[in-house]
Amino acid sequence: MIEPALPGPRDPDQLIRDLTSGRDRLAQAAVERLKDQRVAHFPELVSLLDSPDPDQRWWAVRALAETRLPNRTALYQRALEDQAPAVVQCALLALRAEPAPEAVAGLIPLLSRRDSLTARLAGEAVLAVGERAVPELLMVLRGGSGRGRSEAARTLALLEDPRAVPLLVHLLDADSALVTYWAEEGLARLGVGMVFFKPGE
């Protein structure tokens, strides 16, 4: 079956209606067109973050990621507190694409989410921030537990920051196989593994 052609140029109000239409193809087309609109047309888009419909909130975050709004990082941070996992995950994808050191404090707690996808995406967003996130990751590894520690260990290992070496060595005796694995991986990536392990041991 051939889908009907999408409508042509739309005014900003109509684009918002398309975005909240419940039709994914129409909403995605609205996202593409919204990014070409002037900032003055975005109050309605921001207000969708308060919609009772999680699907509308998801599309609001998705559309914000295509805009040039100067405060969009703060809006992503707000979405990280959403009750709908899909909305949180959409915000995490946006923050992975647009690394924001100021968002790290809100990302760190998400490393402990039972939802493995959310936890992993949070780690990816922290990883995108780079070395500026190392102090927060070290704090999680010193005092955290469970999934949060394993995700923090993975992120820290992939960052390959020399400041992590002492703690990674300590984590070789962690009671979590995943934490130990990432400690070993981190040391290997930093090229210091053989300092601590002699051949034959």
Protein backbone atom coordinates (compact mmCIF):
# COMPACT_ATOMS: atom_id res chain seq x y z
CA MET A 1 0.00 0.00 0.00
CA ILE A 2 1.36 3.41 -0.97
CA GLU A 3 1.24 5.93 1.87
CA PRO A 4 -0.29 9.30 1.01
CA ALA A 5 2.19 12.09 0.43
CA LEU A 6 2.96 14.30 3.38
CA PRO A 7 1.54 17.81 3.24
CA GLY A 8 3.64 20.68 1.96
CA PRO A 9 4.93 23.68 3.90
CA ARG A 10 3.19 24.22 7.26
CA ASP A 11 2.89 27.21 9.56
CA PRO A 12 4.39 26.78 13.07
CA ASP A 13 1.02 26.14 14.74
CA GLN A 14 0.20 23.43 12.23
CA LEU A 15 3.63 21.87 12.75
CA ILE A 16 2.89 21.56 16.47
CA ARG A 17 -0.43 19.91 15.63
CA ASP A 18 1.40 17.52 13.30
CA LEU A 19 3.91 16.76 16.05
CA THR A 20 1.11 15.80 18.44
CA SER A 21 -1.03 14.03 15.86
CA GLY A 22 -0.17 10.52 17.02
CA ARG A 23 1.06 9.70 13.51
CA ASP A 24 4.79 8.99 13.64
CA ARG A 25 5.50 9.77 10.00
CA LEU A 26 3.71 13.12 10.21
CA ALA A 27 5.40 13.92 13.52
CA GLN A 28 8.85 13.14 12.13
CA ALA A 29 8.18 15.38 9.14
CA ALA A 30 7.20 18.13 11.59
CA VAL A 31 10.50 17.66 13.43
CA GLU A 32 12.40 18.16 10.19
CA ARG A 33 10.48 21.32 9.40
CA LEU A 34 10.57 22.76 12.93
CA LYS A 35 14.35 22.97 12.90
CA ASP A 36 14.10 25.56 10.15
CA GLN A 37 11.71 27.77 12.14
CA ARG A 38 12.74 30.82 14.13
CA VAL A 39 13.29 30.49 17.90
CA ALA A 40 10.28 32.71 18.53
CA HIS A 41 8.02 29.89 17.40
CA PHE A 42 9.13 27.40 20.07
CA PRO A 43 7.14 28.27 23.26
CA GLU A 44 4.42 25.82 22.23
CA LEU A 45 7.06 23.14 21.71
CA VAL A 46 8.54 23.69 25.18
CA SER A 47 5.09 23.59 26.73
CA LEU A 48 4.64 20.06 25.38
CA LEU A 49 7.12 18.88 28.01
CA ASP A 50 4.23 19.29 30.48
CA SER A 51 1.76 17.33 28.38
CA PRO A 52 -0.03 14.48 30.20
CA ASP A 53 0.64 12.34 27.11
CA PRO A 54 4.11 10.71 27.28
CA ASP A 55 4.12 10.31 23.51
CA GLN A 56 3.78 14.07 23.10
CA ARG A 57 6.54 14.65 25.65
CA TRP A 58 8.79 12.25 23.71
CA TRP A 59 8.19 14.10 20.47
CA ALA A 60 8.84 17.41 22.22
CA VAL A 61 12.29 16.23 23.31
CA ARG A 62 12.93 14.75 19.88
CA ALA A 63 12.04 18.05 18.22
CA LEU A 64 14.04 20.14 20.70
CA ALA A 65 17.12 18.16 19.70
CA GLU A 66 16.77 19.59 16.20
CA THR A 67 16.41 23.21 17.28
CA ARG A 68 18.99 25.84 18.14
CA LEU A 69 17.33 26.88 21.38
CA PRO A 70 20.03 28.24 23.70
CA ASN A 71 18.44 26.62 26.78
CA ARG A 72 17.77 23.20 25.31
CA THR A 73 20.28 21.49 27.62
CA ALA A 74 18.25 22.63 30.62
CA LEU A 75 15.15 21.24 28.93
CA TYR A 76 16.87 17.88 28.40
CA GLN A 77 17.80 17.88 32.08
CA ARG A 78 14.17 18.48 32.94
CA ALA A 79 13.18 15.54 30.74
CA LEU A 80 15.62 13.29 32.64
CA GLU A 81 13.15 13.43 35.54
CA ASP A 82 10.21 12.30 33.42
CA GLN A 83 8.23 9.31 34.67
CA ALA A 84 8.17 7.72 31.21
CA PRO A 85 11.37 5.74 30.45
CA ALA A 86 11.09 6.47 26.72
CA VAL A 87 11.14 10.23 27.35
CA VAL A 88 14.19 9.88 29.61
CA GLN A 89 15.92 7.77 26.97
CA CYS A 90 15.18 10.34 24.27
CA ALA A 91 16.75 13.05 26.46
CA LEU A 92 19.78 10.83 27.06
CA LEU A 93 20.26 10.35 23.32
CA ALA A 94 20.11 14.12 22.90
CA LEU A 95 22.70 14.63 25.65
CA ARG A 96 24.95 11.99 24.09
CA ALA A 97 24.85 13.97 20.85
CA GLU A 98 25.28 17.31 22.66
CA PRO A 99 27.62 16.65 25.62
CA ALA A 100 26.84 18.92 28.57
CA PRO A 101 29.07 18.95 31.68
CA GLU A 102 26.31 20.72 33.61
CA ALA A 103 24.05 17.70 33.07
CA VAL A 104 26.40 15.16 34.68
CA ALA A 105 24.86 15.54 38.15
CA GLY A 106 21.51 14.50 36.69
CA LEU A 107 23.00 11.67 34.63
CA ILE A 108 24.90 9.93 37.42
CA PRO A 109 21.80 8.64 39.30
CA LEU A 110 20.50 7.13 36.08
CA LEU A 111 23.50 4.79 35.95
CA SER A 112 21.72 2.80 38.69
CA ARG A 113 18.39 2.38 36.88
CA ARG A 114 17.04 -1.17 36.74
CA ASP A 115 16.16 -0.47 33.13
CA SER A 116 19.39 -1.56 31.47
CA LEU A 117 18.83 0.58 28.37
CA THR A 118 18.40 3.75 30.42
CA ALA A 119 21.47 2.92 32.51
CA ARG A 120 23.59 2.28 29.42
CA LEU A 121 22.41 5.43 27.64
CA ALA A 122 23.20 7.43 30.78
CA GLY A 123 26.71 5.98 30.70
CA GLU A 124 27.04 6.94 27.05
CA ALA A 125 25.93 10.51 27.79
CA VAL A 126 28.46 10.75 30.63
CA LEU A 127 31.13 9.27 28.38
CA ALA A 128 30.42 11.96 25.79
CA VAL A 129 31.20 14.63 28.40
CA GLY A 130 34.72 13.23 28.71
CA GLU A 131 37.31 13.84 31.40
CA ARG A 132 35.20 16.47 33.14
CA ALA A 133 32.92 13.67 34.36
CA VAL A 134 35.74 11.67 35.98
CA PRO A 135 35.36 13.08 39.54
CA GLU A 136 31.65 12.14 39.65
CA LEU A 137 32.38 8.64 38.33
CA LEU A 138 35.07 8.12 40.93
CA MET A 139 32.58 9.07 43.64
CA VAL A 140 30.08 6.48 42.38
CA LEU A 141 32.73 3.78 42.36
CA ARG A 142 33.85 4.60 45.88
CA GLY A 143 30.40 4.70 47.41
CA GLY A 144 27.87 3.22 44.98
CA SER A 145 26.57 -0.29 44.57
CA GLY A 146 25.02 -2.64 42.03
CA ARG A 147 24.38 -1.52 38.46
CA GLY A 148 25.52 2.02 39.16
CA ARG A 149 29.02 0.83 39.98
CA SER A 150 29.30 -1.44 36.96
CA GLU A 151 28.10 1.28 34.57
CA ALA A 152 30.42 3.81 36.21
CA ALA A 153 33.33 1.36 35.93
CA ARG A 154 32.57 0.79 32.25
CA THR A 155 32.34 4.51 31.53
CA LEU A 156 35.53 5.25 33.45
CA ALA A 157 37.40 2.48 31.64
CA LEU A 158 36.34 3.82 28.25
CA LEU A 159 37.40 7.35 29.20
CA GLU A 160 41.01 6.16 29.66
CA ASP A 161 41.82 8.86 32.20
CA PRO A 162 45.06 8.30 34.21
CA ARG A 163 43.42 9.69 37.35
CA ALA A 164 41.39 6.49 37.54
CA VAL A 165 44.39 4.14 37.82
CA PRO A 166 44.59 3.86 41.65
CA LEU A 167 40.89 3.18 41.98
CA LEU A 168 40.84 0.74 39.06
CA VAL A 169 43.62 -1.23 40.75
CA HIS A 170 41.56 -1.31 43.94
CA LEU A 171 38.52 -2.53 42.00
CA LEU A 172 40.38 -5.60 40.76
CA ASP A 173 39.21 -7.18 44.03
CA ALA A 174 35.61 -5.96 43.71
CA ASP A 175 32.82 -8.37 44.57
CA SER A 176 31.21 -7.73 41.18
CA ALA A 177 32.49 -9.61 38.15
CA LEU A 178 31.42 -6.76 35.87
CA VAL A 179 33.22 -4.13 37.93
CA THR A 180 36.36 -6.29 37.98
CA TYR A 181 36.13 -6.83 34.23
CA TRP A 182 35.94 -3.11 33.53
CA ALA A 183 38.72 -2.38 35.99
CA GLU A 184 40.95 -4.80 34.08
CA GLU A 185 39.81 -3.34 30.76
CA GLY A 186 40.48 0.19 31.95
CA LEU A 187 43.98 -0.65 33.11
CA ALA A 188 44.71 -2.44 29.85
CA ARG A 189 43.50 0.55 27.84
CA LEU A 190 45.75 2.81 29.87
CA GLY A 191 48.69 0.49 29.17
CA VAL A 192 49.48 -0.11 32.83
CA GLY A 193 48.08 -3.59 33.32
CA MET A 194 51.44 -5.35 33.19
CA VAL A 195 52.74 -3.14 35.99
CA PHE A 196 50.45 -5.00 38.35
CA PHE A 197 50.58 -8.50 36.91
CA LYS A 198 53.73 -10.53 36.50
CA PRO A 199 53.87 -13.31 33.92
CA GLY A 200 52.85 -16.63 35.41
CA GLU A 201 50.78 -15.18 38.28
